[in-house]
């Protein structure tokens, strides 16, 4: 009997020690993680009554909390909801958080360790907990221009300040109104969620940073960068550019969209090939350089890395082990090359910044309610994608695209624009994607932009990118440079 009691006592002690160890582990190491979970109802109920800090552009709130007289003390509101929805995300009692509301949650609700002193002061002065404000890098004029330009379309636009990596605009359309998910009438919130998640147009998708698309001929900038960096090419190098390029290991040739050779010749300079966006020319360059060189160059521009953690952006992709025909297709942004509009804006921004790709960021600063700075983001170099000399060559080639080639709709009076059109198609039975990426002014870049339009209902050629996407990019660039 005594032996059985001893065993039972030992087992009880072990269980108690295990319980204490688990409790200590949760409190010491996982408290912030658990408190931040969208499905933590206890924390959610408490935090929904906190005076949550605003999300700001300059001094203008694009998300804020207002006092209300119901079971919660504050209502989260979004004054211009759909325009900024891909950035702010939503703060919902039923469905948690998304976007800046999610990634900056602990700062906005005042629970972040960096705000500990502020919380102590609040306790001493008997004030309710108040969250910090989060200031963003967005340029309101650029954001409005991109949002209006994409009206009635499926697509996205991203603008970056090349010298710093600041995100100046980030738009995805169709969009949604975060106010519909932030309300306190939970029955209406549930109905709104059902409507939005069942919408075939996917208004809650962040097409700018969290969805991947074939970049088409905008990827020829990466191929051209690899060619110029190899030492085997310069802007005037002659490259093969027939109407169709025979490929190894297949009877299916690579063809130019107009079924003609490049500019009236089976050989064209690299500059002319970019100006006219000749598939066969860049396919032949890709075959000579090889997959590894293209992949390495793409990675220097940011492919393969997740950027903009504020929004949980996805990594753009270059195929792992393509065969020769697939290499040729990859060199023109087809096959399994996948990119976000954010990534293609980074390519343009890197070229604009003398080959130095800056780490993109969206949060400029975090400040307490009494305007004391808690943190501020500093510009940071991500990769030196190309040398300044190669960047200068690419810039002049891109200027030629806008002044003399497929990018003419992106021209701005009195300002030199460097750009590249693109069109890509994933299936014969669906319309193509239209792209345009550019920066301006070419001699002193203030903004780099990428615009992507899904289901471009135009012929499948790079004029589609110029016709549909370039005017939107032009408006965004003009908004930034004050034209």
Protein backbone atom coordinates (compact mmCIF):
# COMPACT_ATOMS: atom_id res chain seq x y z
CA UNK A 1 0.00 0.00 0.00
CA UNK A 2 2.75 2.45 0.99
CA UNK A 3 4.58 1.68 -2.25
CA UNK A 4 1.48 2.47 -4.30
CA UNK A 5 0.98 5.74 -2.41
CA UNK A 6 4.60 6.70 -2.99
CA UNK A 7 4.28 6.03 -6.73
CA UNK A 8 1.11 8.07 -6.86
CA UNK A 9 2.77 10.92 -4.97
CA UNK A 10 5.79 10.88 -7.30
CA UNK A 11 3.52 10.90 -10.33
CA UNK A 12 1.58 13.84 -8.89
CA UNK A 13 4.79 15.78 -8.21
CA UNK A 14 6.03 15.11 -11.75
CA UNK A 15 2.73 16.34 -13.18
CA UNK A 16 2.87 19.46 -11.00
CA UNK A 17 6.45 20.17 -12.09
CA UNK A 18 5.48 19.66 -15.74
CA UNK A 19 2.54 22.01 -15.31
CA UNK A 20 4.77 24.64 -13.68
CA UNK A 21 7.40 24.26 -16.41
CA UNK A 22 4.80 24.61 -19.15
CA UNK A 23 3.25 27.64 -17.45
CA UNK A 24 6.68 29.26 -17.05
CA UNK A 25 7.53 28.56 -20.69
CA UNK A 26 4.26 30.05 -21.90
CA UNK A 27 4.63 33.15 -19.72
CA UNK A 28 8.31 33.74 -20.44
CA UNK A 29 8.66 32.74 -24.08
CA UNK A 30 5.27 32.61 -25.80
CA UNK A 31 3.20 35.32 -24.11
CA UNK A 32 3.54 37.85 -26.94
CA UNK A 33 2.88 35.20 -29.57
CA UNK A 34 -0.26 33.96 -27.84
CA UNK A 35 -1.51 37.46 -27.09
CA UNK A 36 -1.08 38.35 -30.74
CA UNK A 37 -3.09 35.43 -32.09
CA UNK A 38 -6.27 36.36 -33.92
CA UNK A 39 -8.17 33.54 -32.21
CA UNK A 40 -7.29 34.50 -28.61
CA UNK A 41 -10.78 35.54 -27.52
CA UNK A 42 -9.85 36.69 -24.00
CA UNK A 43 -7.18 39.06 -25.23
CA UNK A 44 -9.31 40.10 -28.18
CA UNK A 45 -12.24 41.05 -25.95
CA UNK A 46 -9.98 43.18 -23.74
CA UNK A 47 -8.10 44.81 -26.59
CA UNK A 48 -11.24 45.71 -28.51
CA UNK A 49 -11.98 48.28 -25.82
CA UNK A 50 -8.52 49.88 -25.98
CA UNK A 51 -7.99 53.33 -27.50
CA UNK A 52 -6.04 51.96 -30.43
CA UNK A 53 -3.50 54.31 -32.01
CA UNK A 54 -4.05 55.78 -35.48
CA UNK A 55 -2.35 54.78 -38.73
CA UNK A 56 -1.17 57.99 -40.35
CA UNK A 57 0.00 59.44 -43.65
CA UNK A 58 1.65 62.66 -42.54
CA UNK A 59 -0.83 63.96 -39.98
CA UNK A 60 -3.86 62.44 -41.69
CA UNK A 61 -5.35 59.25 -40.17
CA UNK A 62 -6.28 56.45 -42.56
CA UNK A 63 -7.30 54.30 -39.57
CA UNK A 64 -8.38 55.58 -36.17
CA UNK A 65 -10.44 54.68 -33.09
CA UNK A 66 -13.39 56.78 -31.95
CA UNK A 67 -15.29 56.57 -28.63
CA UNK A 68 -18.67 54.86 -28.83
CA UNK A 69 -21.45 54.10 -26.38
CA UNK A 70 -21.80 50.33 -26.62
CA UNK A 71 -20.27 47.24 -25.00
CA UNK A 72 -16.94 48.26 -26.53
CA UNK A 73 -15.49 51.65 -25.73
CA UNK A 74 -14.05 52.38 -29.17
CA UNK A 75 -14.94 51.84 -32.82
CA UNK A 76 -12.17 51.36 -35.38
CA UNK A 77 -12.86 53.43 -38.49
CA UNK A 78 -11.21 53.87 -41.89
CA UNK A 79 -12.01 57.32 -43.36
CA UNK A 80 -11.00 56.33 -46.92
CA UNK A 81 -11.22 52.59 -46.48
CA UNK A 82 -11.01 50.94 -49.93
CA UNK A 83 -8.21 53.22 -51.15
CA UNK A 84 -5.83 52.06 -48.43
CA UNK A 85 -7.30 48.65 -47.56
CA UNK A 86 -4.33 46.59 -48.90
CA UNK A 87 -2.10 48.58 -46.53
CA UNK A 88 -4.16 49.11 -43.38
CA UNK A 89 -5.91 45.76 -43.57
CA UNK A 90 -8.75 45.50 -41.05
CA UNK A 91 -9.32 45.20 -37.29
CA UNK A 92 -12.30 42.95 -36.72
CA UNK A 93 -13.78 41.41 -33.59
CA UNK A 94 -14.79 38.28 -35.50
CA UNK A 95 -11.95 37.94 -38.02
CA UNK A 96 -8.92 39.38 -36.28
CA UNK A 97 -6.45 41.61 -38.07
CA UNK A 98 -4.70 42.01 -41.41
CA UNK A 99 -2.07 44.31 -42.90
CA UNK A 100 -0.61 47.06 -40.73
CA UNK A 101 -3.34 46.36 -38.19
CA UNK A 102 -1.79 42.90 -37.78
CA UNK A 103 1.95 43.51 -38.13
CA UNK A 104 1.92 46.62 -35.90
CA UNK A 105 -0.76 45.36 -33.53
CA UNK A 106 1.26 45.54 -30.30
CA UNK A 107 2.28 49.13 -31.03
CA UNK A 108 -1.22 50.19 -32.02
CA UNK A 109 -2.83 48.68 -28.92
CA UNK A 110 -0.06 49.87 -26.59
CA UNK A 111 1.07 46.44 -25.38
CA UNK A 112 4.48 46.38 -27.07
CA UNK A 113 7.49 46.11 -24.70
CA UNK A 114 8.85 49.34 -26.19
CA UNK A 115 5.80 51.12 -24.71
CA UNK A 116 6.24 49.75 -21.19
CA UNK A 117 7.18 53.14 -19.69
CA UNK A 118 4.08 54.70 -21.24
CA UNK A 119 1.91 52.00 -19.66
CA UNK A 120 3.46 52.65 -16.24
CA UNK A 121 2.71 56.36 -16.60
CA UNK A 122 -0.87 55.55 -17.58
CA UNK A 123 -1.30 53.42 -14.45
CA UNK A 124 0.17 56.09 -12.17
CA UNK A 125 -1.98 58.84 -13.68
CA UNK A 126 -5.04 56.57 -13.82
CA UNK A 127 -5.36 56.91 -17.59
CA UNK A 128 -6.71 54.17 -19.81
CA UNK A 129 -4.21 52.34 -22.00
CA UNK A 130 -3.65 54.19 -25.27
CA UNK A 131 -1.88 52.84 -28.33
CA UNK A 132 0.93 54.38 -30.30
CA UNK A 133 0.51 55.95 -33.72
CA UNK A 134 2.10 54.33 -36.78
CA UNK A 135 3.19 56.70 -39.53
CA UNK A 136 3.55 55.31 -43.04
CA UNK A 137 5.76 56.30 -45.96
CA UNK A 138 2.90 56.58 -48.45
CA UNK A 139 2.47 59.62 -50.65
CA UNK A 140 -1.23 60.48 -50.62
CA UNK A 141 -1.22 61.99 -54.12
CA UNK A 142 0.50 58.94 -55.59
CA UNK A 143 -1.88 56.58 -53.78
CA UNK A 144 -4.91 58.45 -55.09
CA UNK A 145 -3.52 58.49 -58.64
CA UNK A 146 -2.90 54.74 -58.60
CA UNK A 147 -6.30 53.96 -57.08
CA UNK A 148 -8.17 56.10 -59.60
CA UNK A 149 -6.11 54.80 -62.49
CA UNK A 150 -7.05 51.21 -61.69
CA UNK A 151 -10.78 51.95 -61.39
CA UNK A 152 -12.83 49.29 -63.14
CA UNK A 153 -9.81 47.00 -63.55
CA UNK A 154 -8.24 44.06 -61.79
CA UNK A 155 -4.69 44.94 -60.99
CA UNK A 156 -2.15 46.59 -58.75
CA UNK A 157 0.36 49.40 -58.60
CA UNK A 158 3.41 49.94 -56.41
CA UNK A 159 5.61 53.05 -56.26
CA UNK A 160 8.99 53.22 -54.48
CA UNK A 161 11.42 56.01 -53.69
CA UNK A 162 14.58 54.55 -55.28
CA UNK A 163 17.15 56.16 -52.96
CA UNK A 164 15.50 54.99 -49.74
CA UNK A 165 13.14 52.09 -50.45
CA UNK A 166 10.14 53.98 -49.08
CA UNK A 167 6.83 52.68 -50.43
CA UNK A 168 5.08 55.71 -51.91
CA UNK A 169 1.98 53.95 -53.20
CA UNK A 170 0.56 50.44 -52.89
CA UNK A 171 -2.82 49.80 -54.45
CA UNK A 172 -4.81 46.68 -55.30
CA UNK A 173 -8.14 46.65 -57.11
CA UNK A 174 -10.88 45.67 -56.82
CA UNK A 175 -10.72 46.60 -53.17
CA UNK A 176 -12.99 46.41 -50.12
CA UNK A 177 -14.05 48.64 -47.25
CA UNK A 178 -12.44 47.63 -43.91
CA UNK A 179 -15.25 49.47 -42.11
CA UNK A 180 -17.56 46.60 -43.10
CA UNK A 181 -15.44 44.19 -41.04
CA UNK A 182 -14.68 46.51 -38.11
CA UNK A 183 -18.27 47.19 -37.07
CA UNK A 184 -19.81 46.17 -33.74
CA UNK A 185 -22.95 44.72 -35.32
CA UNK A 186 -21.46 41.23 -35.60
CA UNK A 187 -24.29 39.88 -37.73
CA UNK A 188 -23.59 42.52 -40.39
CA UNK A 189 -19.85 41.88 -40.10
CA UNK A 190 -20.41 38.17 -40.73
CA UNK A 191 -22.56 38.90 -43.77
CA UNK A 192 -19.91 41.27 -45.15
CA UNK A 193 -17.19 38.65 -44.66
CA UNK A 194 -19.25 36.05 -46.52
CA UNK A 195 -19.89 38.44 -49.39
CA UNK A 196 -16.24 39.44 -49.69
CA UNK A 197 -14.73 35.96 -49.41
CA UNK A 198 -17.18 34.50 -51.93
CA UNK A 199 -16.64 37.27 -54.50
CA UNK A 200 -14.96 35.81 -57.61
CA UNK A 201 -13.07 39.09 -58.11
CA UNK A 202 -11.24 38.53 -54.81
CA UNK A 203 -11.41 42.09 -53.47
CA UNK A 204 -9.51 41.11 -50.32
CA UNK A 205 -6.49 39.83 -52.26
CA UNK A 206 -3.44 42.04 -52.05
CA UNK A 207 -2.39 41.87 -55.68
CA UNK A 208 0.44 44.34 -55.12
CA UNK A 209 2.50 42.31 -52.65
CA UNK A 210 0.89 38.96 -51.84
CA UNK A 211 0.01 37.53 -55.25
CA UNK A 212 2.37 36.24 -57.96
CA UNK A 213 2.06 36.81 -61.70
CA UNK A 214 4.15 36.13 -64.80
CA UNK A 215 6.04 39.43 -65.33
CA UNK A 216 6.36 38.96 -69.09
CA UNK A 217 8.67 41.33 -70.89
CA UNK A 218 9.34 43.52 -67.84
CA UNK A 219 11.64 40.64 -66.82
CA UNK A 220 13.76 41.43 -69.89
CA UNK A 221 15.28 44.14 -67.70
CA UNK A 222 16.71 41.37 -65.50
CA UNK A 223 17.96 39.47 -68.56
CA UNK A 224 19.51 42.64 -69.99
CA UNK A 225 21.15 43.34 -66.62
CA UNK A 226 22.64 39.82 -66.58
CA UNK A 227 23.88 40.25 -70.15
CA UNK A 228 25.55 43.60 -69.51
CA UNK A 229 27.03 42.38 -66.21
CA UNK A 230 28.52 39.30 -67.88
CA UNK A 231 30.99 41.38 -69.89
CA UNK A 232 29.88 39.59 -73.05
CA UNK A 233 27.44 42.31 -74.09
CA UNK A 234 27.11 46.05 -74.30
CA UNK A 235 24.09 48.09 -75.42
CA UNK A 236 25.26 47.94 -79.05
CA UNK A 237 26.04 44.21 -79.11
CA UNK A 238 24.36 42.34 -81.94
CA UNK A 239 22.03 39.55 -80.85
CA UNK A 240 20.10 37.01 -82.91
CA UNK A 241 16.54 38.22 -83.41
CA UNK A 242 14.76 36.24 -86.16
CA UNK A 243 11.00 36.00 -86.45
CA UNK A 244 11.23 32.64 -84.69
CA UNK A 245 14.06 31.14 -82.68
CA UNK A 246 14.63 27.39 -82.95
CA UNK A 247 15.16 25.91 -79.49
CA UNK A 248 17.06 22.77 -78.47
CA UNK A 249 15.15 19.70 -77.25
CA UNK A 250 11.87 20.82 -78.80
CA UNK A 251 10.22 21.41 -82.16
CA UNK A 252 8.31 24.41 -80.78
CA UNK A 253 10.16 27.66 -81.58
CA UNK A 254 10.16 30.89 -79.61
CA UNK A 255 8.43 33.59 -81.65
CA UNK A 256 8.05 37.35 -81.63
CA UNK A 257 4.51 38.50 -81.03
CA UNK A 258 4.21 40.11 -84.46
CA UNK A 259 5.67 36.98 -86.10
CA UNK A 260 8.38 39.14 -87.68
CA UNK A 261 12.06 39.61 -87.02
CA UNK A 262 13.28 42.40 -84.78
CA UNK A 263 13.20 45.77 -86.50
CA UNK A 264 13.59 44.38 -90.00
CA UNK A 265 16.68 42.28 -89.34
CA UNK A 266 17.55 38.84 -87.99
CA UNK A 267 20.17 40.57 -85.86
CA UNK A 268 19.52 43.58 -83.62
CA UNK A 269 21.45 45.47 -81.01
CA UNK A 270 20.53 44.83 -77.39
CA UNK A 271 19.16 48.38 -77.25
CA UNK A 272 16.86 47.83 -80.23
CA UNK A 273 15.80 44.45 -78.85
CA UNK A 274 14.69 46.11 -75.61
CA UNK A 275 13.07 49.02 -77.46
CA UNK A 276 10.92 46.66 -79.52
CA UNK A 277 10.76 43.95 -76.80
CA UNK A 278 11.88 41.14 -79.12
CA UNK A 279 11.27 37.71 -77.60
CA UNK A 280 13.70 35.89 -79.87
CA UNK A 281 16.55 38.28 -79.06
CA UNK A 282 16.19 37.87 -75.31
CA UNK A 283 15.54 34.15 -75.67
CA UNK A 284 18.86 33.78 -77.47
CA UNK A 285 20.61 35.90 -74.81
CA UNK A 286 19.09 33.73 -72.10
CA UNK A 287 20.28 30.55 -73.78
CA UNK A 288 23.83 31.88 -74.01
CA UNK A 289 23.92 33.14 -70.41
CA UNK A 290 22.23 30.07 -68.93
CA UNK A 291 19.74 29.60 -66.09
CA UNK A 292 22.24 30.12 -63.27
CA UNK A 293 23.26 33.57 -64.51
CA UNK A 294 19.63 34.64 -64.90
CA UNK A 295 18.70 33.29 -61.48
CA UNK A 296 21.67 34.96 -59.81
CA UNK A 297 20.77 38.28 -61.39
CA UNK A 298 17.11 37.93 -60.41
CA UNK A 299 18.11 37.20 -56.81
CA UNK A 300 20.25 40.33 -56.72
CA UNK A 301 17.10 42.30 -57.48
CA UNK A 302 15.26 40.53 -54.64
CA UNK A 303 13.75 37.40 -56.20
CA UNK A 304 13.58 34.50 -53.77
CA UNK A 305 13.29 36.76 -50.71
CA UNK A 306 10.20 37.86 -48.83
CA UNK A 307 10.09 41.63 -48.68
CA UNK A 308 7.91 44.14 -46.84
CA UNK A 309 7.21 42.11 -43.68
CA UNK A 310 4.73 44.83 -42.66
CA UNK A 311 2.32 43.25 -45.15
CA UNK A 312 3.70 39.70 -45.32
CA UNK A 313 4.72 40.05 -48.97
CA UNK A 314 5.48 36.82 -50.83
CA UNK A 315 8.77 36.00 -52.52
CA UNK A 316 9.01 36.27 -56.31
CA UNK A 317 10.34 33.19 -58.06
CA UNK A 318 12.74 32.13 -60.78
CA UNK A 319 12.44 28.44 -61.77
CA UNK A 320 14.82 26.05 -59.99
CA UNK A 321 16.12 23.85 -62.80
CA UNK A 322 14.74 24.79 -66.22
CA UNK A 323 15.79 22.94 -69.35
CA UNK A 324 17.07 24.98 -72.36
CA UNK A 325 13.66 25.74 -73.90
CA UNK A 326 12.41 26.75 -70.47
CA UNK A 327 15.47 28.97 -69.98
CA UNK A 328 14.61 30.82 -73.20
CA UNK A 329 11.02 31.26 -72.00
CA UNK A 330 12.21 32.36 -68.56
CA UNK A 331 14.47 35.00 -70.12
CA UNK A 332 11.34 36.75 -71.42
CA UNK A 333 9.44 36.42 -68.13
CA UNK A 334 7.37 33.39 -69.06
CA UNK A 335 7.47 29.68 -68.09
CA UNK A 336 7.57 29.55 -64.26
CA UNK A 337 8.91 33.04 -63.57
CA UNK A 338 6.54 34.61 -61.06
CA UNK A 339 6.72 38.10 -59.59
CA UNK A 340 4.75 40.58 -57.53
CA UNK A 341 4.24 44.16 -58.72
CA UNK A 342 6.30 45.08 -55.65
CA UNK A 343 9.21 43.04 -57.01
CA UNK A 344 9.09 44.60 -60.47
CA UNK A 345 8.99 48.06 -58.91
CA UNK A 346 12.12 47.02 -57.00
CA UNK A 347 13.83 46.08 -60.28
CA UNK A 348 13.16 49.54 -61.71
CA UNK A 349 14.12 51.22 -58.43
CA UNK A 350 17.40 49.31 -58.27
CA UNK A 351 18.37 50.40 -61.78
CA UNK A 352 17.33 53.97 -60.94
CA UNK A 353 19.51 53.95 -57.79
CA UNK A 354 22.75 53.17 -59.64
CA UNK A 355 22.25 49.44 -59.22
CA UNK A 356 21.69 49.54 -55.45
CA UNK A 357 18.39 47.88 -54.51
CA UNK A 358 17.13 49.36 -51.25
CA UNK A 359 15.09 47.35 -48.79
CA UNK A 360 11.45 48.40 -49.24
CA UNK A 361 9.63 49.62 -46.16
CA UNK A 362 6.22 51.03 -45.32
CA UNK A 363 6.40 52.00 -41.63
CA UNK A 364 8.22 55.32 -41.21
CA UNK A 365 7.90 55.74 -37.45
CA UNK A 366 6.04 54.76 -34.30
CA UNK A 367 5.18 57.46 -31.73
CA UNK A 368 3.45 57.46 -28.36
CA UNK A 369 0.23 59.39 -27.80
CA UNK A 370 2.32 62.32 -26.52
CA UNK A 371 4.38 62.25 -29.76
CA UNK A 372 7.56 60.73 -28.37
CA UNK A 373 9.31 58.66 -31.04
CA UNK A 374 9.51 54.97 -30.17
CA UNK A 375 11.13 53.81 -33.41
CA UNK A 376 11.99 55.13 -36.85
CA UNK A 377 12.95 53.17 -39.93
CA UNK A 378 16.26 54.01 -41.60
CA UNK A 379 17.00 53.24 -45.26
CA UNK A 380 18.95 50.02 -45.75
CA UNK A 381 20.66 48.59 -48.82
CA UNK A 382 19.44 45.13 -49.79
CA UNK A 383 21.70 44.17 -52.73
CA UNK A 384 24.00 45.77 -55.28
CA UNK A 385 22.20 44.25 -58.25
CA UNK A 386 24.44 45.76 -60.95
CA UNK A 387 27.33 48.19 -61.10
CA UNK A 388 26.61 51.91 -61.51
CA UNK A 389 28.00 51.63 -65.05
CA UNK A 390 25.57 48.86 -65.99
CA UNK A 391 22.72 50.75 -64.30
CA UNK A 392 23.53 53.79 -66.44
CA UNK A 393 23.48 51.67 -69.60
CA UNK A 394 20.14 50.11 -68.63
CA UNK A 395 18.72 53.54 -67.86
CA UNK A 396 19.53 54.84 -71.33
CA UNK A 397 18.08 51.70 -72.90
CA UNK A 398 14.87 52.16 -70.88
CA UNK A 399 14.68 55.83 -71.87
CA UNK A 400 14.85 54.66 -75.47
CA UNK A 401 11.92 52.29 -74.83
CA UNK A 402 9.75 55.20 -73.68
CA UNK A 403 10.88 57.73 -76.26
CA UNK A 404 11.03 55.47 -79.30
CA UNK A 405 9.54 52.07 -78.47
CA UNK A 406 6.64 50.28 -76.83
CA UNK A 407 6.60 52.58 -73.77
CA UNK A 408 5.56 55.82 -75.50
CA UNK A 409 2.28 56.13 -73.50
CA UNK A 410 4.44 56.56 -70.37
CA UNK A 411 6.08 59.77 -71.57
CA UNK A 412 5.85 62.90 -69.39
CA UNK A 413 6.26 66.33 -70.99
CA UNK A 414 9.53 67.90 -69.96
CA UNK A 415 10.66 64.86 -67.96
CA UNK A 416 12.79 61.98 -69.17
CA UNK A 417 11.18 58.66 -68.24
CA UNK A 418 12.92 55.26 -68.25
CA UNK A 419 10.55 52.32 -68.60
CA UNK A 420 9.69 48.86 -69.90
CA UNK A 421 6.42 47.36 -71.06
CA UNK A 422 5.39 43.77 -70.61
CA UNK A 423 2.62 41.35 -71.50
CA UNK A 424 2.25 37.78 -70.25
CA UNK A 425 -0.27 35.02 -70.73
CA UNK A 426 -0.76 31.87 -68.68
CA UNK A 427 -3.36 30.18 -70.90
CA UNK A 428 -4.68 30.59 -74.42
CA UNK A 429 -8.25 30.83 -73.19
CA UNK A 430 -7.70 33.80 -70.90
CA UNK A 431 -6.69 37.42 -71.55
CA UNK A 432 -3.07 38.39 -70.86
CA UNK A 433 -1.52 40.42 -68.06
CA UNK A 434 -0.36 43.92 -69.02
CA UNK A 435 2.66 45.47 -67.26
CA UNK A 436 4.64 48.66 -67.18
CA UNK A 437 7.56 49.48 -64.89
CA UNK A 438 9.43 52.78 -64.98
CA UNK A 439 11.20 55.52 -63.06
CA UNK A 440 11.46 59.29 -63.36
CA UNK A 441 13.16 61.62 -63.83
CA UNK A 442 15.74 59.39 -65.49
CA UNK A 443 18.65 61.65 -64.53
CA UNK A 444 17.57 62.14 -60.88
CA UNK A 445 15.02 59.45 -60.01
CA UNK A 446 12.41 60.34 -57.41
CA UNK A 447 10.00 57.48 -58.02
CA UNK A 448 9.97 53.99 -59.50
CA UNK A 449 6.65 52.34 -60.26
CA UNK A 450 5.21 49.05 -61.48
CA UNK A 451 1.65 48.61 -62.71
CA UNK A 452 0.04 45.26 -63.49
CA UNK A 453 -3.41 44.73 -65.01
CA UNK A 454 -5.09 41.34 -65.10
CA UNK A 455 -7.37 40.24 -67.92
CA UNK A 456 -6.08 42.91 -70.30
CA UNK A 457 -8.70 42.78 -73.04
CA UNK A 458 -6.32 43.77 -75.84
CA UNK A 459 -4.11 41.90 -78.34
CA UNK A 460 -1.29 39.94 -76.75
CA UNK A 461 1.68 42.18 -77.48
CA UNK A 462 3.82 44.55 -75.48
CA UNK A 463 1.83 47.48 -76.81
CA UNK A 464 -0.84 46.24 -74.37
CA UNK A 465 1.41 47.07 -71.45
CA UNK A 466 2.06 50.49 -72.89
CA UNK A 467 -1.58 51.12 -73.75
CA UNK A 468 -3.16 50.06 -70.46
CA UNK A 469 -0.55 50.12 -67.70
CA UNK A 470 1.78 52.95 -68.76
CA UNK A 471 -0.78 55.79 -68.45
CA UNK A 472 -1.47 54.75 -64.86
CA UNK A 473 2.25 54.64 -64.06
CA UNK A 474 2.61 58.06 -65.69
CA UNK A 475 -0.07 59.54 -63.41
CA UNK A 476 1.59 58.07 -60.33
CA UNK A 477 5.02 59.41 -61.31
CA UNK A 478 3.56 62.85 -62.04
CA UNK A 479 1.89 62.85 -58.63
CA UNK A 480 5.24 62.26 -56.93
CA UNK A 481 7.37 64.67 -58.94
CA UNK A 482 4.71 67.38 -58.86
CA UNK A 483 3.77 67.64 -62.51
